Amino acid sequence: LYKTIENTTIINVRQASSELGKLFSNAM
């Protein structure tokens, strides 16, 4: 669904990593 968006990195991780990654981003 996102293939048409240019200059976008699509990352696949486990669910917990995704949840934690958002918290890390907010903390940074």
PDB file of all heavy atoms in Angstrom:
ATOM      1  N   LEU A   1       0.819  -1.216   0.000  1.00  0.00           N
ATOM      2  CA  LEU A   1       0.000   0.000   0.000  1.00  0.00           C
ATOM      3  C   LEU A   1       0.856   1.270   0.000  1.00  0.00           C
ATOM      4  O   LEU A   1       0.399   2.327  -0.425  1.00  0.00           O
ATOM      5  CB  LEU A   1      -0.929   0.021   1.221  1.00  0.00           C
ATOM      6  CG  LEU A   1      -1.921  -1.128   1.339  1.00  0.00           C
ATOM      7  CD1 LEU A   1      -2.644  -1.068   2.682  1.00  0.00           C
ATOM      8  CD2 LEU A   1      -2.909  -1.113   0.187  1.00  0.00           C
ATOM      9  N   TYR A   2       2.081   1.156   0.473  1.00  0.00           N
ATOM     10  CA  TYR A   2       2.965   2.315   0.593  1.00  0.00           C
ATOM     11  C   TYR A   2       4.034   2.382  -0.500  1.00  0.00           C
ATOM     12  O   TYR A   2       4.858   3.283  -0.505  1.00  0.00           O
ATOM     13  CB  TYR A   2       3.659   2.296   1.961  1.00  0.00           C
ATOM     14  CG  TYR A   2       2.714   2.557   3.104  1.00  0.00           C
ATOM     15  CD1 TYR A   2       2.177   1.512   3.832  1.00  0.00           C
ATOM     16  CD2 TYR A   2       2.362   3.857   3.455  1.00  0.00           C
ATOM     17  CE1 TYR A   2       1.307   1.745   4.889  1.00  0.00           C
ATOM     18  CE2 TYR A   2       1.492   4.105   4.509  1.00  0.00           C
ATOM     19  CZ  TYR A   2       0.976   3.045   5.219  1.00  0.00           C
ATOM     20  OH  TYR A   2       0.110   3.283   6.261  1.00  0.00           O
ATOM     21  N   LYS A   3       4.029   1.434  -1.429  1.00  0.00           N
ATOM     22  CA  LYS A   3       5.071   1.373  -2.466  1.00  0.00           C
ATOM     23  C   LYS A   3       5.134   2.627  -3.333  1.00  0.00           C
ATOM     24  O   LYS A   3       6.186   2.966  -3.853  1.00  0.00           O
ATOM     25  CB  LYS A   3       4.865   0.146  -3.362  1.00  0.00           C
ATOM     26  CG  LYS A   3       5.084  -1.166  -2.655  1.00  0.00           C
ATOM     27  CD  LYS A   3       6.541  -1.469  -2.474  1.00  0.00           C
ATOM     28  CE  LYS A   3       6.675  -2.871  -1.919  1.00  0.00           C
ATOM     29  NZ  LYS A   3       7.927  -3.149  -1.327  1.00  0.00           N
ATOM     30  N   THR A   4       4.019   3.323  -3.490  1.00  0.00           N
ATOM     31  CA  THR A   4       3.994   4.491  -4.379  1.00  0.00           C
ATOM     32  C   THR A   4       4.572   5.745  -3.728  1.00  0.00           C
ATOM     33  O   THR A   4       4.809   6.731  -4.410  1.00  0.00           O
ATOM     34  CB  THR A   4       2.553   4.797  -4.843  1.00  0.00           C
ATOM     35  OG1 THR A   4       1.744   5.072  -3.689  1.00  0.00           O
ATOM     36  CG2 THR A   4       1.979   3.622  -5.607  1.00  0.00           C
ATOM     37  N   ILE A   5       4.803   5.712  -2.426  1.00  0.00           N
ATOM     38  CA  ILE A   5       5.368   6.885  -1.744  1.00  0.00           C
ATOM     39  C   ILE A   5       6.876   6.867  -1.930  1.00  0.00           C
ATOM     40  O   ILE A   5       7.561   5.934  -1.518  1.00  0.00           O
ATOM     41  CB  ILE A   5       4.999   6.891  -0.248  1.00  0.00           C
ATOM     42  CG1 ILE A   5       3.485   6.904  -0.072  1.00  0.00           C
ATOM     43  CG2 ILE A   5       5.622   8.090   0.449  1.00  0.00           C
ATOM     44  CD1 ILE A   5       3.034   6.801   1.358  1.00  0.00           C
ATOM     45  N   GLU A   6       7.390   7.923  -2.542  1.00  0.00           N
ATOM     46  CA  GLU A   6       8.828   7.998  -2.814  1.00  0.00           C
ATOM     47  C   GLU A   6       9.595   8.402  -1.562  1.00  0.00           C
ATOM     48  O   GLU A   6       9.076   9.077  -0.677  1.00  0.00           O
ATOM     49  CB  GLU A   6       9.088   9.018  -3.927  1.00  0.00           C
ATOM     50  CG  GLU A   6       8.501   8.602  -5.258  1.00  0.00           C
ATOM     51  CD  GLU A   6       8.768   9.615  -6.344  1.00  0.00           C
ATOM     52  OE1 GLU A   6       9.591  10.517  -6.144  1.00  0.00           O
ATOM     53  OE2 GLU A   6       8.141   9.496  -7.402  1.00  0.00           O
ATOM     54  N   ASN A   7      10.858   8.012  -1.509  1.00  0.00           N
ATOM     55  CA  ASN A   7      11.772   8.379  -0.433  1.00  0.00           C
ATOM     56  C   ASN A   7      11.268   7.944   0.947  1.00  0.00           C
ATOM     57  O   ASN A   7      11.452   8.665   1.924  1.00  0.00           O
ATOM     58  CB  ASN A   7      12.047   9.887  -0.438  1.00  0.00           C
ATOM     59  CG  ASN A   7      12.630  10.343  -1.756  1.00  0.00           C
ATOM     60  OD1 ASN A   7      13.469   9.671  -2.338  1.00  0.00           O
ATOM     61  ND2 ASN A   7      12.165  11.471  -2.248  1.00  0.00           N
ATOM     62  N   THR A   8      10.625   6.804   0.994  1.00  0.00           N
ATOM     63  CA  THR A   8      10.128   6.268   2.259  1.00  0.00           C
ATOM     64  C   THR A   8      10.775   4.918   2.518  1.00  0.00           C
ATOM     65  O   THR A   8      10.795   4.058   1.641  1.00  0.00           O
ATOM     66  CB  THR A   8       8.591   6.104   2.215  1.00  0.00           C
ATOM     67  OG1 THR A   8       8.000   7.377   2.012  1.00  0.00           O
ATOM     68  CG2 THR A   8       8.067   5.509   3.503  1.00  0.00           C
ATOM     69  N   THR A   9      11.302   4.765   3.694  1.00  0.00           N
ATOM     70  CA  THR A   9      11.888   3.492   4.103  1.00  0.00           C
ATOM     71  C   THR A   9      10.819   2.680   4.817  1.00  0.00           C
ATOM     72  O   THR A   9      10.176   3.175   5.739  1.00  0.00           O
ATOM     73  CB  THR A   9      13.074   3.731   5.051  1.00  0.00           C
ATOM     74  OG1 THR A   9      14.036   4.543   4.386  1.00  0.00           O
ATOM     75  CG2 THR A   9      13.708   2.416   5.472  1.00  0.00           C
ATOM     76  N   ILE A  10      10.624   1.450   4.378  1.00  0.00           N
ATOM     77  CA  ILE A  10       9.664   0.555   5.017  1.00  0.00           C
ATOM     78  C   ILE A  10      10.451  -0.484   5.807  1.00  0.00           C
ATOM     79  O   ILE A  10      11.313  -1.173   5.258  1.00  0.00           O
ATOM     80  CB  ILE A  10       8.745  -0.121   3.972  1.00  0.00           C
ATOM     81  CG1 ILE A  10       7.945   0.943   3.214  1.00  0.00           C
ATOM     82  CG2 ILE A  10       7.818  -1.113   4.653  1.00  0.00           C
ATOM     83  CD1 ILE A  10       7.105   0.404   2.077  1.00  0.00           C
ATOM     84  N   ILE A  11      10.167  -0.549   7.106  1.00  0.00           N
ATOM     85  CA  ILE A  11      10.925  -1.390   8.019  1.00  0.00           C
ATOM     86  C   ILE A  11       9.999  -2.433   8.635  1.00  0.00           C
ATOM     87  O   ILE A  11       8.931  -2.087   9.134  1.00  0.00           O
ATOM     88  CB  ILE A  11      11.554  -0.539   9.136  1.00  0.00           C
ATOM     89  CG1 ILE A  11      12.418   0.582   8.533  1.00  0.00           C
ATOM     90  CG2 ILE A  11      12.361  -1.400  10.103  1.00  0.00           C
ATOM     91  CD1 ILE A  11      12.778   1.670   9.509  1.00  0.00           C
ATOM     92  N   ASN A  12      10.415  -3.696   8.613  1.00  0.00           N
ATOM     93  CA  ASN A  12       9.640  -4.762   9.253  1.00  0.00           C
ATOM     94  C   ASN A  12      10.385  -5.241  10.483  1.00  0.00           C
ATOM     95  O   ASN A  12      11.543  -5.621  10.416  1.00  0.00           O
ATOM     96  CB  ASN A  12       9.415  -5.910   8.266  1.00  0.00           C
ATOM     97  CG  ASN A  12       8.508  -6.997   8.819  1.00  0.00           C
ATOM     98  OD1 ASN A  12       8.703  -8.164   8.546  1.00  0.00           O
ATOM     99  ND2 ASN A  12       7.505  -6.634   9.577  1.00  0.00           N
ATOM    100  N   VAL A  13       9.698  -5.167  11.618  1.00  0.00           N
ATOM    101  CA  VAL A  13      10.249  -5.632  12.886  1.00  0.00           C
ATOM    102  C   VAL A  13       9.159  -6.410  13.621  1.00  0.00           C
ATOM    103  O   VAL A  13       8.019  -6.465  13.174  1.00  0.00           O
ATOM    104  CB  VAL A  13      10.739  -4.454  13.766  1.00  0.00           C
ATOM    105  CG1 VAL A  13      11.896  -3.726  13.110  1.00  0.00           C
ATOM    106  CG2 VAL A  13       9.601  -3.485  14.054  1.00  0.00           C
ATOM    107  N   ARG A  14       9.506  -6.987  14.748  1.00  0.00           N
ATOM    108  CA  ARG A  14       8.494  -7.629  15.586  1.00  0.00           C
ATOM    109  C   ARG A  14       7.611  -6.567  16.234  1.00  0.00           C
ATOM    110  O   ARG A  14       8.005  -5.413  16.351  1.00  0.00           O
ATOM    111  CB  ARG A  14       9.166  -8.477  16.664  1.00  0.00           C
ATOM    112  CG  ARG A  14       9.801  -9.711  16.081  1.00  0.00           C
ATOM    113  CD  ARG A  14      10.337 -10.585  17.182  1.00  0.00           C
ATOM    114  NE  ARG A  14      11.752 -10.760  16.897  1.00  0.00           N
ATOM    115  CZ  ARG A  14      12.664 -11.039  17.797  1.00  0.00           C
ATOM    116  NH1 ARG A  14      12.345 -11.160  19.053  1.00  0.00           N
ATOM    117  NH2 ARG A  14      13.906 -11.207  17.443  1.00  0.00           N
ATOM    118  N   GLN A  15       6.431  -6.967  16.690  1.00  0.00           N
ATOM    119  CA  GLN A  15       5.478  -6.013  17.258  1.00  0.00           C
ATOM    120  C   GLN A  15       6.073  -5.254  18.444  1.00  0.00           C
ATOM    121  O   GLN A  15       5.951  -4.029  18.527  1.00  0.00           O
ATOM    122  CB  GLN A  15       4.185  -6.710  17.703  1.00  0.00           C
ATOM    123  CG  GLN A  15       3.422  -7.344  16.569  1.00  0.00           C
ATOM    124  CD  GLN A  15       3.171  -8.807  16.845  1.00  0.00           C
ATOM    125  OE1 GLN A  15       4.085  -9.553  17.165  1.00  0.00           O
ATOM    126  NE2 GLN A  15       1.920  -9.231  16.723  1.00  0.00           N
ATOM    127  N   ALA A  16       6.720  -5.954  19.358  1.00  0.00           N
ATOM    128  CA  ALA A  16       7.286  -5.299  20.541  1.00  0.00           C
ATOM    129  C   ALA A  16       8.354  -4.284  20.136  1.00  0.00           C
ATOM    130  O   ALA A  16       8.451  -3.203  20.724  1.00  0.00           O
ATOM    131  CB  ALA A  16       7.861  -6.332  21.500  1.00  0.00           C
ATOM    132  N   SER A  17       9.143  -4.609  19.127  1.00  0.00           N
ATOM    133  CA  SER A  17      10.175  -3.682  18.653  1.00  0.00           C
ATOM    134  C   SER A  17       9.544  -2.433  18.061  1.00  0.00           C
ATOM    135  O   SER A  17      10.054  -1.322  18.238  1.00  0.00           O
ATOM    136  CB  SER A  17      11.054  -4.357  17.605  1.00  0.00           C
ATOM    137  OG  SER A  17      11.728  -5.459  18.169  1.00  0.00           O
ATOM    138  N   SER A  18       8.440  -2.592  17.370  1.00  0.00           N
ATOM    139  CA  SER A  18       7.729  -1.457  16.803  1.00  0.00           C
ATOM    140  C   SER A  18       7.184  -0.558  17.913  1.00  0.00           C
ATOM    141  O   SER A  18       7.328   0.658  17.864  1.00  0.00           O
ATOM    142  CB  SER A  18       6.587  -1.957  15.912  1.00  0.00           C
ATOM    143  OG  SER A  18       5.854  -0.879  15.396  1.00  0.00           O
ATOM    144  N   GLU A  19       6.566  -1.174  18.910  1.00  0.00           N
ATOM    145  CA  GLU A  19       6.022  -0.405  20.031  1.00  0.00           C
ATOM    146  C   GLU A  19       7.134   0.333  20.770  1.00  0.00           C
ATOM    147  O   GLU A  19       7.011   1.513  21.092  1.00  0.00           O
ATOM    148  CB  GLU A  19       5.264  -1.327  20.988  1.00  0.00           C
ATOM    149  CG  GLU A  19       4.019  -1.934  20.392  1.00  0.00           C
ATOM    150  CD  GLU A  19       3.435  -3.089  21.183  1.00  0.00           C
ATOM    151  OE1 GLU A  19       4.102  -3.612  22.105  1.00  0.00           O
ATOM    152  OE2 GLU A  19       2.290  -3.473  20.882  1.00  0.00           O
ATOM    153  N   LEU A  20       8.236  -0.350  21.020  1.00  0.00           N
ATOM    154  CA  LEU A  20       9.352   0.244  21.739  1.00  0.00           C
ATOM    155  C   LEU A  20      10.066   1.298  20.896  1.00  0.00           C
ATOM    156  O   LEU A  20      10.504   2.328  21.417  1.00  0.00           O
ATOM    157  CB  LEU A  20      10.335  -0.846  22.169  1.00  0.00           C
ATOM    158  CG  LEU A  20      11.424  -0.449  23.149  1.00  0.00           C
ATOM    159  CD1 LEU A  20      10.817   0.118  24.425  1.00  0.00           C
ATOM    160  CD2 LEU A  20      12.293  -1.650  23.478  1.00  0.00           C
ATOM    161  N   GLY A  21      10.162   1.076  19.604  1.00  0.00           N
ATOM    162  CA  GLY A  21      10.809   2.041  18.714  1.00  0.00           C
ATOM    163  C   GLY A  21      10.140   3.398  18.750  1.00  0.00           C
ATOM    164  O   GLY A  21      10.805   4.441  18.715  1.00  0.00           O
ATOM    165  N   LYS A  22       8.824   3.414  18.820  1.00  0.00           N
ATOM    166  CA  LYS A  22       8.092   4.683  18.900  1.00  0.00           C
ATOM    167  C   LYS A  22       8.413   5.390  20.211  1.00  0.00           C
ATOM    168  O   LYS A  22       8.639   6.604  20.240  1.00  0.00           O
ATOM    169  CB  LYS A  22       6.586   4.416  18.763  1.00  0.00           C
ATOM    170  CG  LYS A  22       5.731   5.634  18.968  1.00  0.00           C
ATOM    171  CD  LYS A  22       6.021   6.731  17.964  1.00  0.00           C
ATOM    172  CE  LYS A  22       5.140   7.919  18.271  1.00  0.00           C
ATOM    173  NZ  LYS A  22       4.964   8.839  17.228  1.00  0.00           N
ATOM    174  N   LEU A  23       8.477   4.643  21.310  1.00  0.00           N
ATOM    175  CA  LEU A  23       8.829   5.248  22.593  1.00  0.00           C
ATOM    176  C   LEU A  23      10.259   5.782  22.574  1.00  0.00           C
ATOM    177  O   LEU A  23      10.539   6.854  23.109  1.00  0.00           O
ATOM    178  CB  LEU A  23       8.640   4.239  23.720  1.00  0.00           C
ATOM    179  CG  LEU A  23       7.198   3.781  23.961  1.00  0.00           C
ATOM    180  CD1 LEU A  23       7.152   2.688  25.019  1.00  0.00           C
ATOM    181  CD2 LEU A  23       6.328   4.944  24.363  1.00  0.00           C
ATOM    182  N   PHE A  24      11.183   5.029  21.947  1.00  0.00           N
ATOM    183  CA  PHE A  24      12.561   5.500  21.809  1.00  0.00           C
ATOM    184  C   PHE A  24      12.611   6.805  21.017  1.00  0.00           C
ATOM    185  O   PHE A  24      13.333   7.730  21.359  1.00  0.00           O
ATOM    186  CB  PHE A  24      13.435   4.456  21.113  1.00  0.00           C
ATOM    187  CG  PHE A  24      13.885   3.326  21.977  1.00  0.00           C
ATOM    188  CD1 PHE A  24      14.411   2.193  21.395  1.00  0.00           C
ATOM    189  CD2 PHE A  24      13.793   3.369  23.354  1.00  0.00           C
ATOM    190  CE1 PHE A  24      14.840   1.113  22.179  1.00  0.00           C
ATOM    191  CE2 PHE A  24      14.216   2.308  24.148  1.00  0.00           C
ATOM    192  CZ  PHE A  24      14.754   1.184  23.553  1.00  0.00           C
ATOM    193  N   SER A  25      11.855   6.855  19.934  1.00  0.00           N
ATOM    194  CA  SER A  25      11.817   8.056  19.102  1.00  0.00           C
ATOM    195  C   SER A  25      11.329   9.258  19.903  1.00  0.00           C
ATOM    196  O   SER A  25      11.912  10.353  19.827  1.00  0.00           O
ATOM    197  CB  SER A  25      10.908   7.817  17.888  1.00  0.00           C
ATOM    198  OG  SER A  25      10.813   8.969  17.101  1.00  0.00           O
ATOM    199  N   ASN A  26      10.269   9.068  20.676  1.00  0.00           N
ATOM    200  CA  ASN A  26       9.754  10.154  21.517  1.00  0.00           C
ATOM    201  C   ASN A  26      10.776  10.569  22.570  1.00  0.00           C
ATOM    202  O   ASN A  26      10.954  11.761  22.842  1.00  0.00           O
ATOM    203  CB  ASN A  26       8.453   9.730  22.194  1.00  0.00           C
ATOM    204  CG  ASN A  26       7.287   9.657  21.232  1.00  0.00           C
ATOM    205  OD1 ASN A  26       7.388  10.051  20.082  1.00  0.00           O
ATOM    206  ND2 ASN A  26       6.179   9.111  21.696  1.00  0.00           N
ATOM    207  N   ALA A  27      11.463   9.596  23.158  1.00  0.00           N
ATOM    208  CA  ALA A  27      12.466   9.898  24.180  1.00  0.00           C
ATOM    209  C   ALA A  27      13.639  10.674  23.581  1.00  0.00           C
ATOM    210  O   ALA A  27      14.145  11.626  24.199  1.00  0.00           O
ATOM    211  CB  ALA A  27      12.963   8.609  24.832  1.00  0.00           C
ATOM    212  N   MET A  28      14.060  10.288  22.374  1.00  0.00           N
ATOM    213  CA  MET A  28      15.168  11.000  21.721  1.00  0.00           C
ATOM    214  C   MET A  28      14.783  12.443  21.419  1.00  0.00           C
ATOM    215  O   MET A  28      15.587  13.367  21.611  1.00  0.00           O
ATOM    216  CB  MET A  28      15.582  10.270  20.435  1.00  0.00           C
ATOM    217  CG  MET A  28      16.230   8.928  20.675  1.00  0.00           C
ATOM    218  SD  MET A  28      17.821   9.055  21.519  1.00  0.00           S
ATOM    219  CE  MET A  28      18.784   9.901  20.292  1.00  0.00           C
TER     220      MET A  28
END
